[in-house]
Amino acid sequence: MPKPMTYCPNCGAPTEYKIPPGDDRKRNICTATGEIFYDNPRNVVGCIVEHEDKILMCRRAIEPRLGFWTLPAGFLELGETIYQGAARETREEAQAEVRDAELFAMIDVTHIGQVHIFYRAQLAGSHYGAGPESQFVTLQSEDEIEWSQLAFPTIHRALSHYFADRARGRFELHTDDLGSDDWRQMNLDRVARTAASGG
């Protein structure tokens, strides 16, 4: 969420945290130049990668949520389309290429200023493996997924939509929003069971 700055990052002058004329919320404003600094939501992009009725899952090798399971996903970079970012994150975290991607879920996480966007895609070929941010990468069926060991509520929600759609034989685009307490309702564990199957 937006926070007051002390100094302008461009010229070093003090900043003010106030509502500019014509705006409806506080912004950081340089007292020397009047430049307004906007703090906007960040996009997280990733893929639900399918192969032979299983989903490609990554166990995180980094914080936050070290040791928990996730879909290959990460922050969108400047100069990328949403799909390019999702495919790059899949390549980096799971050493996998994807094909036949379709936009599947857009989840607002307003309390941390993020939007999480997931594609449903097919694994291109059969190669996958652990990238630098993953301890382990594997294909898992719905029954094999440790739901309480998922890293983030958005992963839980995206996979819930996916398996519900698959069960009824029809996939659709999902838009959703998550609150700050949703992880409790999903019963996500606080401690990773890193000695579990697959590592």
Protein backbone atom coordinates (compact mmCIF):
# COMPACT_ATOMS: atom_id res chain seq x y z
CA MET A 1 0.00 0.00 0.00
CA PRO A 2 1.20 3.59 -0.59
CA LYS A 3 3.63 4.93 2.00
CA PRO A 4 4.99 8.44 2.55
CA MET A 5 8.43 9.08 1.09
CA THR A 6 10.96 11.37 2.77
CA TYR A 7 12.92 12.59 -0.23
CA CYS A 8 12.37 12.82 -3.96
CA PRO A 9 14.20 9.93 -5.68
CA ASN A 10 15.07 12.19 -8.62
CA CYS A 11 16.44 15.36 -7.02
CA GLY A 12 16.67 14.65 -3.28
CA ALA A 13 14.30 17.44 -2.24
CA PRO A 14 11.83 16.74 0.60
CA THR A 15 8.48 15.29 -0.40
CA GLU A 16 4.96 15.95 0.84
CA TYR A 17 2.32 13.23 1.20
CA LYS A 18 -0.96 14.88 0.27
CA ILE A 19 -3.85 14.85 -2.16
CA PRO A 20 -2.91 16.68 -5.39
CA PRO A 21 -5.48 18.97 -7.05
CA GLY A 22 -7.99 16.94 -9.03
CA ASP A 23 -7.03 13.65 -7.33
CA ASP A 24 -8.87 11.66 -4.68
CA ARG A 25 -6.05 10.11 -2.63
CA LYS A 26 -2.71 11.01 -1.12
CA ARG A 27 0.40 10.89 -3.28
CA ASN A 28 4.09 11.60 -2.73
CA ILE A 29 4.90 15.00 -4.27
CA CYS A 30 8.33 16.58 -4.72
CA THR A 31 8.39 19.99 -2.99
CA ALA A 32 10.98 21.31 -5.47
CA THR A 33 9.49 20.27 -8.82
CA GLY A 34 5.92 19.30 -8.00
CA GLU A 35 6.41 15.88 -9.58
CA ILE A 36 3.82 13.35 -8.39
CA PHE A 37 4.89 9.78 -7.69
CA TYR A 38 2.18 7.19 -8.23
CA ASP A 39 2.27 3.85 -6.45
CA ASN A 40 0.26 1.39 -8.55
CA PRO A 41 -0.53 -2.33 -8.21
CA ARG A 42 2.05 -4.88 -9.36
CA ASN A 43 1.20 -7.79 -11.65
CA VAL A 44 2.12 -11.38 -10.82
CA VAL A 45 1.86 -13.71 -13.84
CA GLY A 46 2.10 -17.46 -14.15
CA CYS A 47 0.85 -20.69 -15.70
CA ILE A 48 -1.17 -23.72 -14.77
CA VAL A 49 0.82 -26.16 -16.91
CA GLU A 50 -0.99 -29.35 -17.91
CA HIS A 51 0.57 -32.65 -18.98
CA GLU A 52 -1.16 -36.02 -19.06
CA ASP A 53 -3.89 -34.97 -16.59
CA LYS A 54 -1.36 -33.60 -14.13
CA ILE A 55 -0.22 -30.08 -13.16
CA LEU A 56 3.35 -28.81 -13.00
CA MET A 57 4.11 -27.78 -9.42
CA CYS A 58 7.21 -26.10 -7.96
CA ARG A 59 8.45 -26.22 -4.38
CA ARG A 60 9.87 -22.81 -3.51
CA ALA A 61 13.59 -22.41 -2.83
CA ILE A 62 13.24 -18.77 -1.76
CA GLU A 63 11.31 -16.68 0.72
CA PRO A 64 8.54 -15.85 1.19
CA ARG A 65 7.05 -19.27 1.89
CA LEU A 66 10.27 -21.21 1.40
CA GLY A 67 9.55 -24.92 0.98
CA PHE A 68 5.89 -24.51 0.06
CA TRP A 69 4.34 -25.55 -3.27
CA THR A 70 3.36 -23.09 -5.97
CA LEU A 71 2.64 -22.70 -9.66
CA PRO A 72 5.44 -21.19 -11.75
CA ALA A 73 4.75 -17.47 -11.44
CA GLY A 74 6.38 -14.15 -10.63
CA PHE A 75 6.34 -10.42 -11.24
CA LEU A 76 5.75 -9.10 -14.75
CA GLU A 77 8.73 -7.15 -16.09
CA LEU A 78 8.63 -3.91 -18.07
CA GLY A 79 8.55 -4.52 -21.81
CA GLU A 80 6.76 -7.87 -21.53
CA THR A 81 3.24 -8.86 -22.44
CA ILE A 82 1.36 -10.74 -19.74
CA TYR A 83 1.79 -14.00 -21.62
CA GLN A 84 5.50 -13.41 -22.25
CA GLY A 85 6.00 -12.87 -18.53
CA ALA A 86 4.04 -16.00 -17.59
CA ALA A 87 6.00 -18.10 -20.09
CA ARG A 88 9.32 -16.65 -18.86
CA GLU A 89 8.48 -17.39 -15.23
CA THR A 90 7.59 -20.96 -16.21
CA ARG A 91 10.90 -21.28 -18.03
CA GLU A 92 12.88 -19.81 -15.11
CA GLU A 93 11.21 -21.69 -12.27
CA ALA A 94 10.38 -25.00 -13.95
CA GLN A 95 12.70 -25.14 -17.00
CA ALA A 96 9.58 -25.77 -19.07
CA GLU A 97 8.18 -24.38 -22.29
CA VAL A 98 4.43 -23.98 -22.76
CA ARG A 99 2.05 -23.96 -25.71
CA ASP A 100 -1.67 -23.42 -26.39
CA ALA A 101 -1.99 -20.93 -23.52
CA GLU A 102 -5.36 -19.43 -22.63
CA LEU A 103 -6.05 -16.73 -20.05
CA PHE A 104 -7.68 -18.48 -17.10
CA ALA A 105 -7.82 -16.41 -13.90
CA MET A 106 -7.34 -12.82 -12.75
CA ILE A 107 -7.27 -12.43 -8.97
CA ASP A 108 -7.20 -9.05 -7.22
CA VAL A 109 -5.17 -8.96 -4.00
CA THR A 110 -5.84 -5.35 -3.07
CA HIS A 111 -4.53 -5.48 0.50
CA ILE A 112 -0.98 -6.00 -0.85
CA GLY A 113 -1.44 -3.99 -4.07
CA GLN A 114 -1.16 -6.88 -6.52
CA VAL A 115 -3.06 -8.57 -9.33
CA HIS A 116 -2.31 -12.26 -9.99
CA ILE A 117 -2.93 -13.48 -13.55
CA PHE A 118 -2.77 -17.13 -14.58
CA TYR A 119 -2.81 -18.86 -17.95
CA ARG A 120 -3.84 -22.45 -18.56
CA ALA A 121 -1.27 -24.00 -20.90
CA GLN A 122 0.07 -27.29 -22.18
CA LEU A 123 3.62 -28.47 -21.46
CA ALA A 124 5.53 -28.28 -24.75
CA GLY A 125 7.43 -31.56 -24.98
CA SER A 126 8.18 -33.43 -21.78
CA HIS A 127 11.12 -31.56 -20.26
CA TYR A 128 10.92 -29.78 -16.91
CA GLY A 129 13.19 -29.33 -13.90
CA ALA A 130 14.03 -27.12 -10.95
CA GLY A 131 15.20 -23.59 -11.74
CA PRO A 132 17.16 -21.41 -9.29
CA GLU A 133 14.02 -20.43 -7.35
CA SER A 134 12.68 -23.99 -7.02
CA GLN A 135 13.81 -26.82 -4.76
CA PHE A 136 11.89 -29.38 -6.75
CA VAL A 137 9.51 -29.48 -9.72
CA THR A 138 7.09 -32.31 -10.41
CA LEU A 139 3.83 -33.19 -12.12
CA GLN A 140 1.00 -33.80 -9.65
CA SER A 141 -2.54 -35.05 -9.98
CA GLU A 142 -5.35 -33.36 -8.06
CA ASP A 143 -5.17 -36.06 -5.39
CA GLU A 144 -1.40 -35.63 -4.99
CA ILE A 145 -1.50 -31.89 -4.31
CA GLU A 146 -0.94 -31.02 -0.63
CA TRP A 147 -3.50 -28.24 -0.42
CA SER A 148 -2.44 -27.04 3.02
CA GLN A 149 1.14 -26.80 1.76
CA LEU A 150 0.37 -24.37 -1.06
CA ALA A 151 2.43 -21.20 -0.82
CA PHE A 152 -0.21 -18.53 -1.40
CA PRO A 153 -4.01 -18.11 -1.34
CA THR A 154 -4.04 -17.15 -5.03
CA ILE A 155 -2.45 -20.49 -5.93
CA HIS A 156 -5.14 -22.28 -3.90
CA ARG A 157 -7.90 -20.26 -5.57
CA ALA A 158 -6.57 -20.67 -9.13
CA LEU A 159 -6.18 -24.44 -8.72
CA SER A 160 -9.64 -24.71 -7.12
CA HIS A 161 -11.17 -23.00 -10.15
CA TYR A 162 -9.11 -25.19 -12.48
CA PHE A 163 -10.14 -28.54 -11.00
CA ALA A 164 -13.78 -27.46 -10.67
CA ASP A 165 -13.83 -26.48 -14.36
CA ARG A 166 -12.10 -29.69 -15.39
CA ALA A 167 -14.62 -31.78 -13.45
CA ARG A 168 -17.53 -30.21 -15.34
CA GLY A 169 -15.72 -30.42 -18.67
CA ARG A 170 -15.70 -26.71 -19.45
CA PHE A 171 -13.07 -24.06 -18.74
CA GLU A 172 -13.92 -20.39 -18.42
CA LEU A 173 -12.19 -17.15 -17.47
CA HIS A 174 -12.36 -16.44 -13.73
CA THR A 175 -12.15 -13.05 -12.03
CA ASP A 176 -11.82 -13.07 -8.29
CA ASP A 177 -10.60 -11.11 -5.29
CA LEU A 178 -8.91 -12.24 -2.10
CA GLY A 179 -8.91 -10.63 1.31
CA SER A 180 -6.20 -10.57 3.95
CA ASP A 181 -7.81 -13.37 5.99
CA ASP A 182 -8.52 -15.81 3.14
CA TRP A 183 -5.39 -17.86 3.85
CA ARG A 184 -6.93 -18.86 7.19
CA GLN A 185 -10.11 -20.10 5.52
CA MET A 186 -7.97 -22.16 3.15
CA ASN A 187 -6.14 -23.75 6.11
CA LEU A 188 -2.71 -23.05 4.65
CA ASP A 189 0.07 -24.31 6.91
CA ARG A 190 2.58 -21.91 8.41
CA VAL A 191 5.41 -24.48 8.39
CA ALA A 192 6.61 -26.26 5.25
CA ARG A 193 6.97 -30.02 5.35
CA THR A 194 10.14 -30.13 3.27
CA ALA A 195 10.70 -33.81 3.98
CA ALA A 196 7.51 -34.64 2.10
CA SER A 197 7.42 -36.69 -1.07
CA GLY A 198 9.49 -35.25 -3.88
CA GLY A 199 12.51 -33.98 -2.02
